[in-house]
Amino acid sequence: MEATKGSRAKSIFSQNAIWIVLILLIAAITIMDTNFLSVTTFRDMLIQSSTRLIIALGAAFILITAGTDLSAGRVVGLTAVVSASMLQSSDYANKFFPDLPHLPLILPIVIAIVVGLIVGLINGIIVAKFNVPPFIATLGTMVAVYGANSLYFDMPPNQSQPIGGLRKDFSELGIGSIGSGDWSLPYIVLIAIFVAFIVWVVFNKTTLGKNMYAIGGNIQAAHVSGINVAKCLMWIYGIAGALYGLAGVLEAARTGGATNNYGNMYELDAIAACVVGGVSTTGGVGRVKGVVAGVLIFTVINYGLTYIGISPYWQLIIKGAIIVVAVAFDIRKYVAKK
């Protein structure tokens, strides 16, 4: 009986370890500074987590297929610039497009998301049709997208000036909320929750989701079972690109502007959050709730350790150690299964 209870407790711990770590991390920071445990702090952390979660969910699609996507951050930067350049106030002195009429809010947002989708599809085609390893394919795309974004950003009359003066209705997406005061619910958080729910549905309730796990588990078996692997991969990379595009739009709205350097290295944080959240680097394993927990852990590290005055350099060391430990455990589980 005791052995059964012990194994059950061990199972519960292993299944919820990521959440236990998150709670312990919050508790440790709170002990060092009791002011950390406040509604304002958690609200700020949720706002900071929102765009990172959307990027991480896009990265999870790729990781589950046993791939990787290094272009995510640069796609975020490109789509932030594209959306911001078309949504500046009419009376702003340094407009990116001086003669551009007042556009419906949804149009530039859709354009930016489609731009992300196109980049994702290009990645998918390179990986699926030309059999280029995802690491190399997305590395090349990362460099090319940054170059294209820089050319766009440098067009006259802007000439590489930070894009500002965003329309109020656009900025509201990033800083607006339902309600008022500390207990208000930011729009950007609601959008992230909605996106997480949609991704959960795709992962768990659709044929594409089942095929995605099958491809990541054993691509040869997926081929033999009749799955159109190339088509699925193109869809998966395309969806990931669209999610990066949405994140870029929201990041521009949240910060009130954009430059061609937006999103730099975001892909590494996204991949790290996925891995810490239980998305296997060997493919075929990963859940939305784990990705959410992984993103929250890194947000708590960034925000919480800054809050108590820990040097950013120590934060990098702590984040690096967490990533290495998470990957080491993941590899051990994979070896044990074999």
C-alpha atoms as a PDB file:
ATOM      1  CA  MET A   1       0.000   0.000   0.000  1.00  0.00           C
ATOM      2  CA  GLU A   2       2.802   2.402   0.939  1.00  0.00           C
ATOM      3  CA  ALA A   3       4.634   1.521  -2.277  1.00  0.00           C
ATOM      4  CA  THR A   4       1.498   2.338  -4.256  1.00  0.00           C
ATOM      5  CA  LYS A   5       1.145   5.697  -2.502  1.00  0.00           C
ATOM      6  CA  GLY A   6       4.821   6.397  -3.086  1.00  0.00           C
ATOM      7  CA  SER A   7       4.628   5.612  -6.799  1.00  0.00           C
ATOM      8  CA  ARG A   8       1.470   7.689  -7.116  1.00  0.00           C
ATOM      9  CA  ALA A   9       3.118  10.657  -5.400  1.00  0.00           C
ATOM     10  CA  LYS A  10       6.170  10.252  -7.630  1.00  0.00           C
ATOM     11  CA  SER A  11       3.938  10.193 -10.710  1.00  0.00           C
ATOM     12  CA  ILE A  12       2.079  13.335  -9.610  1.00  0.00           C
ATOM     13  CA  PHE A  13       5.383  15.089  -8.929  1.00  0.00           C
ATOM     14  CA  SER A  14       6.895  14.137 -12.299  1.00  0.00           C
ATOM     15  CA  GLN A  15       3.771  15.230 -14.195  1.00  0.00           C
ATOM     16  CA  ASN A  16       3.614  18.593 -12.421  1.00  0.00           C
ATOM     17  CA  ALA A  17       7.298  19.236 -11.754  1.00  0.00           C
ATOM     18  CA  ILE A  18       7.390  22.338 -13.959  1.00  0.00           C
ATOM     19  CA  TRP A  19       4.556  23.978 -11.982  1.00  0.00           C
ATOM     20  CA  ILE A  20       6.177  23.025  -8.680  1.00  0.00           C
ATOM     21  CA  VAL A  21       9.411  24.671  -9.838  1.00  0.00           C
ATOM     22  CA  LEU A  22       7.457  27.803 -10.832  1.00  0.00           C
ATOM     23  CA  ILE A  23       5.767  27.999  -7.411  1.00  0.00           C
ATOM     24  CA  LEU A  24       9.069  27.457  -5.591  1.00  0.00           C
ATOM     25  CA  LEU A  25      10.741  30.150  -7.699  1.00  0.00           C
ATOM     26  CA  ILE A  26       7.990  32.662  -6.881  1.00  0.00           C
ATOM     27  CA  ALA A  27       8.149  31.686  -3.196  1.00  0.00           C
ATOM     28  CA  ALA A  28      11.939  32.146  -3.069  1.00  0.00           C
ATOM     29  CA  ILE A  29      11.756  35.615  -4.632  1.00  0.00           C
ATOM     30  CA  THR A  30       8.865  36.580  -2.341  1.00  0.00           C
ATOM     31  CA  ILE A  31      10.884  35.563   0.733  1.00  0.00           C
ATOM     32  CA  MET A  32      13.649  37.904  -0.415  1.00  0.00           C
ATOM     33  CA  ASP A  33      11.195  40.743  -1.109  1.00  0.00           C
ATOM     34  CA  THR A  34       7.605  40.417   0.123  1.00  0.00           C
ATOM     35  CA  ASN A  35       6.500  43.281  -2.144  1.00  0.00           C
ATOM     36  CA  PHE A  36       6.972  40.947  -5.106  1.00  0.00           C
ATOM     37  CA  LEU A  37       3.755  39.123  -4.202  1.00  0.00           C
ATOM     38  CA  SER A  38       1.296  41.716  -5.529  1.00  0.00           C
ATOM     39  CA  VAL A  39      -1.410  41.977  -8.168  1.00  0.00           C
ATOM     40  CA  THR A  40       0.552  44.656 -10.034  1.00  0.00           C
ATOM     41  CA  THR A  41       3.636  42.461 -10.275  1.00  0.00           C
ATOM     42  CA  PHE A  42       1.729  39.456 -11.600  1.00  0.00           C
ATOM     43  CA  ARG A  43      -0.183  41.632 -14.043  1.00  0.00           C
ATOM     44  CA  ASP A  44       3.071  43.058 -15.408  1.00  0.00           C
ATOM     45  CA  MET A  45       4.562  39.572 -15.736  1.00  0.00           C
ATOM     46  CA  LEU A  46       1.502  38.324 -17.618  1.00  0.00           C
ATOM     47  CA  ILE A  47       1.771  41.242 -20.052  1.00  0.00           C
ATOM     48  CA  GLN A  48       5.463  40.497 -20.631  1.00  0.00           C
ATOM     49  CA  SER A  49       4.696  36.795 -21.072  1.00  0.00           C
ATOM     50  CA  SER A  50       1.954  37.260 -23.662  1.00  0.00           C
ATOM     51  CA  THR A  51       3.978  37.821 -26.837  1.00  0.00           C
ATOM     52  CA  ARG A  52       6.664  35.387 -25.659  1.00  0.00           C
ATOM     53  CA  LEU A  53       3.998  32.710 -25.202  1.00  0.00           C
ATOM     54  CA  ILE A  54       2.684  33.169 -28.736  1.00  0.00           C
ATOM     55  CA  ILE A  55       6.224  32.873 -30.132  1.00  0.00           C
ATOM     56  CA  ALA A  56       6.913  29.802 -27.979  1.00  0.00           C
ATOM     57  CA  LEU A  57       3.699  28.138 -29.169  1.00  0.00           C
ATOM     58  CA  GLY A  58       4.855  28.656 -32.753  1.00  0.00           C
ATOM     59  CA  ALA A  59       8.247  27.177 -31.901  1.00  0.00           C
ATOM     60  CA  ALA A  60       6.515  24.211 -30.243  1.00  0.00           C
ATOM     61  CA  PHE A  61       4.878  23.257 -33.548  1.00  0.00           C
ATOM     62  CA  ILE A  62       8.331  22.942 -35.100  1.00  0.00           C
ATOM     63  CA  LEU A  63      10.022  21.214 -32.159  1.00  0.00           C
ATOM     64  CA  ILE A  64       7.346  18.535 -31.945  1.00  0.00           C
ATOM     65  CA  THR A  65       8.173  17.559 -35.536  1.00  0.00           C
ATOM     66  CA  ALA A  66      11.826  17.155 -34.403  1.00  0.00           C
ATOM     67  CA  GLY A  67      12.764  20.403 -36.148  1.00  0.00           C
ATOM     68  CA  THR A  68      13.869  23.838 -34.994  1.00  0.00           C
ATOM     69  CA  ASP A  69      13.197  27.386 -36.136  1.00  0.00           C
ATOM     70  CA  LEU A  70      15.907  30.013 -35.778  1.00  0.00           C
ATOM     71  CA  SER A  71      14.014  32.603 -37.857  1.00  0.00           C
ATOM     72  CA  ALA A  72      11.258  33.246 -35.280  1.00  0.00           C
ATOM     73  CA  GLY A  73      12.785  36.361 -33.713  1.00  0.00           C
ATOM     74  CA  ARG A  74      13.550  38.008 -37.050  1.00  0.00           C
ATOM     75  CA  VAL A  75      10.025  37.307 -38.284  1.00  0.00           C
ATOM     76  CA  VAL A  76       8.732  39.020 -35.133  1.00  0.00           C
ATOM     77  CA  GLY A  77      10.932  42.029 -35.962  1.00  0.00           C
ATOM     78  CA  LEU A  78       9.821  42.142 -39.593  1.00  0.00           C
ATOM     79  CA  THR A  79       6.112  41.962 -38.789  1.00  0.00           C
ATOM     80  CA  ALA A  80       6.456  44.522 -35.995  1.00  0.00           C
ATOM     81  CA  VAL A  81       7.995  46.974 -38.472  1.00  0.00           C
ATOM     82  CA  VAL A  82       5.457  46.192 -41.210  1.00  0.00           C
ATOM     83  CA  SER A  83       2.439  46.695 -38.936  1.00  0.00           C
ATOM     84  CA  ALA A  84       3.847  49.782 -37.187  1.00  0.00           C
ATOM     85  CA  SER A  85       4.794  51.442 -40.492  1.00  0.00           C
ATOM     86  CA  MET A  86       1.153  51.379 -41.615  1.00  0.00           C
ATOM     87  CA  LEU A  87      -0.464  52.321 -38.303  1.00  0.00           C
ATOM     88  CA  GLN A  88       1.040  55.692 -37.415  1.00  0.00           C
ATOM     89  CA  SER A  89      -1.060  58.702 -36.422  1.00  0.00           C
ATOM     90  CA  SER A  90      -1.960  60.998 -39.308  1.00  0.00           C
ATOM     91  CA  ASP A  91      -0.430  64.009 -37.519  1.00  0.00           C
ATOM     92  CA  TYR A  92       2.870  62.300 -36.687  1.00  0.00           C
ATOM     93  CA  ALA A  93       5.765  64.296 -38.148  1.00  0.00           C
ATOM     94  CA  ASN A  94       7.973  61.394 -39.263  1.00  0.00           C
ATOM     95  CA  LYS A  95       5.496  59.057 -40.919  1.00  0.00           C
ATOM     96  CA  PHE A  96       6.917  56.000 -42.660  1.00  0.00           C
ATOM     97  CA  PHE A  97       4.387  56.435 -45.491  1.00  0.00           C
ATOM     98  CA  PRO A  98       3.521  60.183 -45.559  1.00  0.00           C
ATOM     99  CA  ASP A  99       0.720  59.764 -48.109  1.00  0.00           C
ATOM    100  CA  LEU A 100      -0.817  56.594 -46.716  1.00  0.00           C
ATOM    101  CA  PRO A 101      -4.535  57.074 -45.926  1.00  0.00           C
ATOM    102  CA  HIS A 102      -6.125  56.020 -42.639  1.00  0.00           C
ATOM    103  CA  LEU A 103      -6.412  52.239 -42.902  1.00  0.00           C
ATOM    104  CA  PRO A 104      -8.842  49.992 -41.020  1.00  0.00           C
ATOM    105  CA  LEU A 105      -6.968  48.595 -38.000  1.00  0.00           C
ATOM    106  CA  ILE A 106      -7.444  44.995 -39.060  1.00  0.00           C
ATOM    107  CA  LEU A 107      -5.846  45.419 -42.510  1.00  0.00           C
ATOM    108  CA  PRO A 108      -2.184  46.083 -41.499  1.00  0.00           C
ATOM    109  CA  ILE A 109      -2.513  43.422 -38.789  1.00  0.00           C
ATOM    110  CA  VAL A 110      -3.659  40.841 -41.333  1.00  0.00           C
ATOM    111  CA  ILE A 111      -0.918  41.919 -43.753  1.00  0.00           C
ATOM    112  CA  ALA A 112       1.745  41.441 -41.056  1.00  0.00           C
ATOM    113  CA  ILE A 113       0.391  38.012 -40.094  1.00  0.00           C
ATOM    114  CA  VAL A 114       0.327  36.982 -43.767  1.00  0.00           C
ATOM    115  CA  VAL A 115       3.959  38.130 -44.096  1.00  0.00           C
ATOM    116  CA  GLY A 116       4.833  35.833 -41.192  1.00  0.00           C
ATOM    117  CA  LEU A 117       2.816  33.031 -42.774  1.00  0.00           C
ATOM    118  CA  ILE A 118       4.709  33.423 -46.075  1.00  0.00           C
ATOM    119  CA  VAL A 119       8.093  33.255 -44.330  1.00  0.00           C
ATOM    120  CA  GLY A 120       6.916  30.152 -42.483  1.00  0.00           C
ATOM    121  CA  LEU A 121       5.763  28.527 -45.711  1.00  0.00           C
ATOM    122  CA  ILE A 122       9.139  29.277 -47.289  1.00  0.00           C
ATOM    123  CA  ASN A 123      10.788  27.507 -44.342  1.00  0.00           C
ATOM    124  CA  GLY A 124       8.393  24.588 -44.751  1.00  0.00           C
ATOM    125  CA  ILE A 125       9.069  24.283 -48.479  1.00  0.00           C
ATOM    126  CA  ILE A 126      12.844  24.355 -47.968  1.00  0.00           C
ATOM    127  CA  VAL A 127      12.626  21.681 -45.248  1.00  0.00           C
ATOM    128  CA  ALA A 128       9.928  19.470 -46.800  1.00  0.00           C
ATOM    129  CA  LYS A 129      10.648  19.723 -50.520  1.00  0.00           C
ATOM    130  CA  PHE A 130      14.409  20.226 -50.600  1.00  0.00           C
ATOM    131  CA  ASN A 131      15.204  18.104 -47.518  1.00  0.00           C
ATOM    132  CA  VAL A 132      17.378  20.820 -46.005  1.00  0.00           C
ATOM    133  CA  PRO A 133      17.835  20.264 -42.241  1.00  0.00           C
ATOM    134  CA  PRO A 134      15.555  22.670 -40.319  1.00  0.00           C
ATOM    135  CA  PHE A 135      18.492  24.198 -38.433  1.00  0.00           C
ATOM    136  CA  ILE A 136      20.236  25.229 -41.676  1.00  0.00           C
ATOM    137  CA  ALA A 137      17.027  26.190 -43.507  1.00  0.00           C
ATOM    138  CA  THR A 138      15.815  28.515 -40.765  1.00  0.00           C
ATOM    139  CA  LEU A 139      19.309  29.879 -40.143  1.00  0.00           C
ATOM    140  CA  GLY A 140      19.399  31.020 -43.773  1.00  0.00           C
ATOM    141  CA  THR A 141      15.882  32.438 -43.512  1.00  0.00           C
ATOM    142  CA  MET A 142      16.789  34.247 -40.299  1.00  0.00           C
ATOM    143  CA  VAL A 143      19.627  36.091 -42.029  1.00  0.00           C
ATOM    144  CA  ALA A 144      17.586  36.829 -45.166  1.00  0.00           C
ATOM    145  CA  VAL A 145      14.565  38.111 -43.208  1.00  0.00           C
ATOM    146  CA  TYR A 146      16.739  40.456 -41.170  1.00  0.00           C
ATOM    147  CA  GLY A 147      18.267  41.776 -44.383  1.00  0.00           C
ATOM    148  CA  ALA A 148      14.842  42.292 -45.970  1.00  0.00           C
ATOM    149  CA  ASN A 149      13.553  43.996 -42.826  1.00  0.00           C
ATOM    150  CA  SER A 150      16.570  46.310 -42.719  1.00  0.00           C
ATOM    151  CA  LEU A 151      16.067  47.292 -46.368  1.00  0.00           C
ATOM    152  CA  TYR A 152      12.393  48.030 -45.700  1.00  0.00           C
ATOM    153  CA  PHE A 153      13.239  49.926 -42.512  1.00  0.00           C
ATOM    154  CA  ASP A 154      15.874  52.001 -44.354  1.00  0.00           C
ATOM    155  CA  MET A 155      13.548  53.143 -47.149  1.00  0.00           C
ATOM    156  CA  PRO A 156      13.197  56.920 -47.551  1.00  0.00           C
ATOM    157  CA  PRO A 157      11.886  58.992 -45.933  1.00  0.00           C
ATOM    158  CA  ASN A 158      12.303  56.795 -42.824  1.00  0.00           C
ATOM    159  CA  GLN A 159      15.963  55.864 -43.369  1.00  0.00           C
ATOM    160  CA  SER A 160      16.320  53.617 -40.319  1.00  0.00           C
ATOM    161  CA  GLN A 161      14.652  55.962 -37.830  1.00  0.00           C
ATOM    162  CA  PRO A 162      12.692  54.194 -35.043  1.00  0.00           C
ATOM    163  CA  ILE A 163       9.031  53.980 -35.974  1.00  0.00           C
ATOM    164  CA  GLY A 164       6.859  55.809 -33.447  1.00  0.00           C
ATOM    165  CA  GLY A 165       3.655  57.805 -33.201  1.00  0.00           C
ATOM    166  CA  LEU A 166       1.410  54.758 -33.390  1.00  0.00           C
ATOM    167  CA  ARG A 167      -2.342  55.165 -33.587  1.00  0.00           C
ATOM    168  CA  LYS A 168      -4.221  54.963 -30.304  1.00  0.00           C
ATOM    169  CA  ASP A 169      -6.472  52.126 -31.479  1.00  0.00           C
ATOM    170  CA  PHE A 170      -3.370  50.075 -32.333  1.00  0.00           C
ATOM    171  CA  SER A 171      -1.561  50.834 -29.066  1.00  0.00           C
ATOM    172  CA  GLU A 172      -4.690  49.803 -27.161  1.00  0.00           C
ATOM    173  CA  LEU A 173      -4.075  46.210 -28.247  1.00  0.00           C
ATOM    174  CA  GLY A 174      -0.830  46.219 -26.304  1.00  0.00           C
ATOM    175  CA  ILE A 175      -1.602  48.437 -23.316  1.00  0.00           C
ATOM    176  CA  GLY A 176      -5.406  48.518 -23.093  1.00  0.00           C
ATOM    177  CA  SER A 177      -7.473  46.360 -20.777  1.00  0.00           C
ATOM    178  CA  ILE A 178     -10.933  45.373 -19.668  1.00  0.00           C
ATOM    179  CA  GLY A 179     -11.765  47.042 -16.368  1.00  0.00           C
ATOM    180  CA  SER A 180      -9.583  49.480 -14.493  1.00  0.00           C
ATOM    181  CA  GLY A 181      -6.809  49.469 -11.941  1.00  0.00           C
ATOM    182  CA  ASP A 182      -4.627  46.540 -10.911  1.00  0.00           C
ATOM    183  CA  TRP A 183      -7.435  44.013 -11.335  1.00  0.00           C
ATOM    184  CA  SER A 184      -8.045  44.904 -14.985  1.00  0.00           C
ATOM    185  CA  LEU A 185      -7.426  42.241 -17.618  1.00  0.00           C
ATOM    186  CA  PRO A 186      -5.116  43.390 -20.450  1.00  0.00           C
ATOM    187  CA  TYR A 187      -6.245  42.736 -24.030  1.00  0.00           C
ATOM    188  CA  ILE A 188      -2.828  41.317 -24.889  1.00  0.00           C
ATOM    189  CA  VAL A 189      -3.201  38.665 -22.169  1.00  0.00           C
ATOM    190  CA  LEU A 190      -6.678  37.741 -23.412  1.00  0.00           C
ATOM    191  CA  ILE A 191      -5.295  37.377 -26.949  1.00  0.00           C
ATOM    192  CA  ALA A 192      -2.481  35.122 -25.708  1.00  0.00           C
ATOM    193  CA  ILE A 193      -4.967  32.953 -23.780  1.00  0.00           C
ATOM    194  CA  PHE A 194      -7.173  32.656 -26.862  1.00  0.00           C
ATOM    195  CA  VAL A 195      -4.191  31.715 -29.044  1.00  0.00           C
ATOM    196  CA  ALA A 196      -3.078  29.113 -26.482  1.00  0.00           C
ATOM    197  CA  PHE A 197      -6.570  27.593 -26.534  1.00  0.00           C
ATOM    198  CA  ILE A 198      -6.625  27.439 -30.343  1.00  0.00           C
ATOM    199  CA  VAL A 199      -3.177  25.808 -30.380  1.00  0.00           C
ATOM    200  CA  TRP A 200      -4.370  23.289 -27.762  1.00  0.00           C
ATOM    201  CA  VAL A 201      -7.290  22.406 -30.041  1.00  0.00           C
ATOM    202  CA  VAL A 202      -4.926  21.966 -33.010  1.00  0.00           C
ATOM    203  CA  PHE A 203      -2.536  19.807 -30.976  1.00  0.00           C
ATOM    204  CA  ASN A 204      -5.202  17.570 -29.463  1.00  0.00           C
ATOM    205  CA  LYS A 205      -8.312  17.601 -31.629  1.00  0.00           C
ATOM    206  CA  THR A 206      -7.228  17.860 -35.267  1.00  0.00           C
ATOM    207  CA  THR A 207      -5.723  15.542 -37.857  1.00  0.00           C
ATOM    208  CA  LEU A 208      -2.858  17.983 -38.352  1.00  0.00           C
ATOM    209  CA  GLY A 209      -2.017  17.734 -34.658  1.00  0.00           C
ATOM    210  CA  LYS A 210      -2.022  13.936 -34.704  1.00  0.00           C
ATOM    211  CA  ASN A 211       0.121  13.925 -37.842  1.00  0.00           C
ATOM    212  CA  MET A 212       2.515  16.415 -36.251  1.00  0.00           C
ATOM    213  CA  TYR A 213       3.164  14.109 -33.292  1.00  0.00           C
ATOM    214  CA  ALA A 214       3.498  11.128 -35.634  1.00  0.00           C
ATOM    215  CA  ILE A 215       6.083  12.931 -37.788  1.00  0.00           C
ATOM    216  CA  GLY A 216       8.090  13.933 -34.721  1.00  0.00           C
ATOM    217  CA  GLY A 217       7.880  10.451 -33.237  1.00  0.00           C
ATOM    218  CA  ASN A 218       9.027   8.596 -36.347  1.00  0.00           C
ATOM    219  CA  ILE A 219       9.019  10.292 -39.725  1.00  0.00           C
ATOM    220  CA  GLN A 220       9.580   7.045 -41.623  1.00  0.00           C
ATOM    221  CA  ALA A 221       6.615   5.398 -39.918  1.00  0.00           C
ATOM    222  CA  ALA A 222       4.550   8.499 -40.705  1.00  0.00           C
ATOM    223  CA  HIS A 223       5.429   8.118 -44.411  1.00  0.00           C
ATOM    224  CA  VAL A 224       4.513   4.415 -44.373  1.00  0.00           C
ATOM    225  CA  SER A 225       1.186   5.088 -42.606  1.00  0.00           C
ATOM    226  CA  GLY A 226       0.100   7.314 -45.483  1.00  0.00           C
ATOM    227  CA  ILE A 227       0.659  10.760 -43.949  1.00  0.00           C
ATOM    228  CA  ASN A 228       1.560  13.436 -46.498  1.00  0.00           C
ATOM    229  CA  VAL A 229       4.602  14.533 -44.518  1.00  0.00           C
ATOM    230  CA  ALA A 230       5.672  17.330 -46.884  1.00  0.00           C
ATOM    231  CA  LYS A 231       2.216  18.932 -46.865  1.00  0.00           C
ATOM    232  CA  CYS A 232       1.936  18.662 -43.084  1.00  0.00           C
ATOM    233  CA  LEU A 233       5.358  20.216 -42.555  1.00  0.00           C
ATOM    234  CA  MET A 234       4.510  23.144 -44.819  1.00  0.00           C
ATOM    235  CA  TRP A 235       1.282  23.741 -42.881  1.00  0.00           C
ATOM    236  CA  ILE A 236       3.107  23.482 -39.563  1.00  0.00           C
ATOM    237  CA  TYR A 237       5.872  25.917 -40.514  1.00  0.00           C
ATOM    238  CA  GLY A 238       3.275  28.243 -42.032  1.00  0.00           C
ATOM    239  CA  ILE A 239       1.177  28.281 -38.846  1.00  0.00           C
ATOM    240  CA  ALA A 240       4.308  28.918 -36.778  1.00  0.00           C
ATOM    241  CA  GLY A 241       5.193  31.858 -39.043  1.00  0.00           C
ATOM    242  CA  ALA A 242       1.688  33.296 -38.676  1.00  0.00           C
ATOM    243  CA  LEU A 243       1.996  33.083 -34.884  1.00  0.00           C
ATOM    244  CA  TYR A 244       5.324  34.920 -35.036  1.00  0.00           C
ATOM    245  CA  GLY A 245       3.599  37.534 -37.187  1.00  0.00           C
ATOM    246  CA  LEU A 246       0.854  38.034 -34.612  1.00  0.00           C
ATOM    247  CA  ALA A 247       3.471  38.285 -31.863  1.00  0.00           C
ATOM    248  CA  GLY A 248       5.314  40.959 -33.866  1.00  0.00           C
ATOM    249  CA  VAL A 249       2.117  42.993 -34.210  1.00  0.00           C
ATOM    250  CA  LEU A 250       1.411  42.777 -30.478  1.00  0.00           C
ATOM    251  CA  GLU A 251       5.013  43.584 -29.569  1.00  0.00           C
ATOM    252  CA  ALA A 252       4.854  46.779 -31.630  1.00  0.00           C
ATOM    253  CA  ALA A 253       1.521  47.692 -30.012  1.00  0.00           C
ATOM    254  CA  ARG A 254       2.845  46.939 -26.512  1.00  0.00           C
ATOM    255  CA  THR A 255       6.045  48.965 -26.833  1.00  0.00           C
ATOM    256  CA  GLY A 256       4.581  51.795 -28.920  1.00  0.00           C
ATOM    257  CA  GLY A 257       6.995  51.470 -31.820  1.00  0.00           C
ATOM    258  CA  ALA A 258       9.337  49.235 -33.778  1.00  0.00           C
ATOM    259  CA  THR A 259      12.836  48.963 -35.235  1.00  0.00           C
ATOM    260  CA  ASN A 260      14.511  46.350 -37.406  1.00  0.00           C
ATOM    261  CA  ASN A 261      16.215  44.929 -34.297  1.00  0.00           C
ATOM    262  CA  TYR A 262      12.967  43.938 -32.621  1.00  0.00           C
ATOM    263  CA  GLY A 263      12.717  40.248 -31.827  1.00  0.00           C
ATOM    264  CA  ASN A 264      16.469  39.669 -31.758  1.00  0.00           C
ATOM    265  CA  MET A 265      17.200  36.322 -30.023  1.00  0.00           C
ATOM    266  CA  TYR A 266      13.527  35.806 -29.121  1.00  0.00           C
ATOM    267  CA  GLU A 267      13.700  32.410 -30.816  1.00  0.00           C
ATOM    268  CA  LEU A 268      16.227  31.176 -28.259  1.00  0.00           C
ATOM    269  CA  ASP A 269      13.978  32.188 -25.364  1.00  0.00           C
ATOM    270  CA  ALA A 270      11.039  30.499 -27.117  1.00  0.00           C
ATOM    271  CA  ILE A 271      12.934  27.254 -27.700  1.00  0.00           C
ATOM    272  CA  ALA A 272      14.259  27.317 -24.134  1.00  0.00           C
ATOM    273  CA  ALA A 273      10.755  27.821 -22.712  1.00  0.00           C
ATOM    274  CA  CYS A 274       9.466  24.917 -24.802  1.00  0.00           C
ATOM    275  CA  VAL A 275      12.258  22.580 -23.704  1.00  0.00           C
ATOM    276  CA  VAL A 276      11.891  23.524 -20.043  1.00  0.00           C
ATOM    277  CA  GLY A 277       8.143  23.001 -20.465  1.00  0.00           C
ATOM    278  CA  GLY A 278       8.616  19.421 -21.611  1.00  0.00           C
ATOM    279  CA  VAL A 279       8.656  19.740 -25.409  1.00  0.00           C
ATOM    280  CA  SER A 280      11.172  17.095 -26.428  1.00  0.00           C
ATOM    281  CA  THR A 281      14.157  18.077 -28.540  1.00  0.00           C
ATOM    282  CA  THR A 282      13.885  14.666 -30.208  1.00  0.00           C
ATOM    283  CA  GLY A 283      10.321  15.299 -31.386  1.00  0.00           C
ATOM    284  CA  GLY A 284       6.922  13.760 -30.820  1.00  0.00           C
ATOM    285  CA  VAL A 285       6.357  15.103 -27.294  1.00  0.00           C
ATOM    286  CA  GLY A 286       4.975  18.395 -26.056  1.00  0.00           C
ATOM    287  CA  ARG A 287       1.897  19.967 -24.500  1.00  0.00           C
ATOM    288  CA  VAL A 288       0.518  23.496 -24.454  1.00  0.00           C
ATOM    289  CA  LYS A 289       0.348  23.691 -20.652  1.00  0.00           C
ATOM    290  CA  GLY A 290       4.050  22.832 -20.474  1.00  0.00           C
ATOM    291  CA  VAL A 291       4.907  25.631 -22.905  1.00  0.00           C
ATOM    292  CA  VAL A 292       2.830  28.068 -20.817  1.00  0.00           C
ATOM    293  CA  ALA A 293       4.696  27.012 -17.673  1.00  0.00           C
ATOM    294  CA  GLY A 294       8.072  27.303 -19.415  1.00  0.00           C
ATOM    295  CA  VAL A 295       7.325  30.850 -20.583  1.00  0.00           C
ATOM    296  CA  LEU A 296       6.147  31.846 -17.099  1.00  0.00           C
ATOM    297  CA  ILE A 297       9.292  30.429 -15.497  1.00  0.00           C
ATOM    298  CA  PHE A 298      11.565  32.502 -17.714  1.00  0.00           C
ATOM    299  CA  THR A 299       9.400  35.590 -17.164  1.00  0.00           C
ATOM    300  CA  VAL A 300       9.661  35.114 -13.404  1.00  0.00           C
ATOM    301  CA  ILE A 301      13.435  34.733 -13.761  1.00  0.00           C
ATOM    302  CA  ASN A 302      13.763  37.890 -15.887  1.00  0.00           C
ATOM    303  CA  TYR A 303      11.305  40.027 -13.938  1.00  0.00           C
ATOM    304  CA  GLY A 304      11.713  38.552 -10.469  1.00  0.00           C
ATOM    305  CA  LEU A 305      15.486  38.514 -10.305  1.00  0.00           C
ATOM    306  CA  THR A 306      15.611  42.069 -11.659  1.00  0.00           C
ATOM    307  CA  TYR A 307      13.028  43.011  -9.007  1.00  0.00           C
ATOM    308  CA  ILE A 308      15.301  41.821  -6.189  1.00  0.00           C
ATOM    309  CA  GLY A 309      18.394  43.371  -7.743  1.00  0.00           C
ATOM    310  CA  ILE A 310      20.179  40.340  -9.191  1.00  0.00           C
ATOM    311  CA  SER A 311      22.638  41.250 -11.953  1.00  0.00           C
ATOM    312  CA  PRO A 312      21.433  40.533 -15.523  1.00  0.00           C
ATOM    313  CA  TYR A 313      24.646  38.559 -16.035  1.00  0.00           C
ATOM    314  CA  TRP A 314      23.723  36.189 -13.207  1.00  0.00           C
ATOM    315  CA  GLN A 315      20.272  35.886 -14.738  1.00  0.00           C
ATOM    316  CA  LEU A 316      21.852  34.663 -17.979  1.00  0.00           C
ATOM    317  CA  ILE A 317      23.897  32.079 -16.068  1.00  0.00           C
ATOM    318  CA  ILE A 318      20.783  30.844 -14.244  1.00  0.00           C
ATOM    319  CA  LYS A 319      18.771  30.652 -17.481  1.00  0.00           C
ATOM    320  CA  GLY A 320      21.605  28.803 -19.218  1.00  0.00           C
ATOM    321  CA  ALA A 321      21.874  26.298 -16.386  1.00  0.00           C
ATOM    322  CA  ILE A 322      18.121  25.653 -16.447  1.00  0.00           C
ATOM    323  CA  ILE A 323      18.195  25.045 -20.213  1.00  0.00           C
ATOM    324  CA  VAL A 324      21.117  22.601 -19.972  1.00  0.00           C
ATOM    325  CA  VAL A 325      19.513  20.665 -17.094  1.00  0.00           C
ATOM    326  CA  ALA A 326      16.160  20.498 -18.926  1.00  0.00           C
ATOM    327  CA  VAL A 327      17.764  19.194 -22.126  1.00  0.00           C
ATOM    328  CA  ALA A 328      19.892  16.710 -20.156  1.00  0.00           C
ATOM    329  CA  PHE A 329      16.769  15.257 -18.503  1.00  0.00           C
ATOM    330  CA  ASP A 330      15.020  15.152 -21.883  1.00  0.00           C
ATOM    331  CA  ILE A 331      17.905  13.252 -23.481  1.00  0.00           C
ATOM    332  CA  ARG A 332      18.030  10.821 -20.544  1.00  0.00           C
ATOM    333  CA  LYS A 333      14.335  10.059 -20.975  1.00  0.00           C
ATOM    334  CA  TYR A 334      14.872   9.477 -24.689  1.00  0.00           C
ATOM    335  CA  VAL A 335      17.817   7.119 -24.060  1.00  0.00           C
ATOM    336  CA  ALA A 336      15.828   5.249 -21.410  1.00  0.00           C
ATOM    337  CA  LYS A 337      12.966   4.676 -23.870  1.00  0.00           C
ATOM    338  CA  LYS A 338      15.376   3.261 -26.459  1.00  0.00           C
END
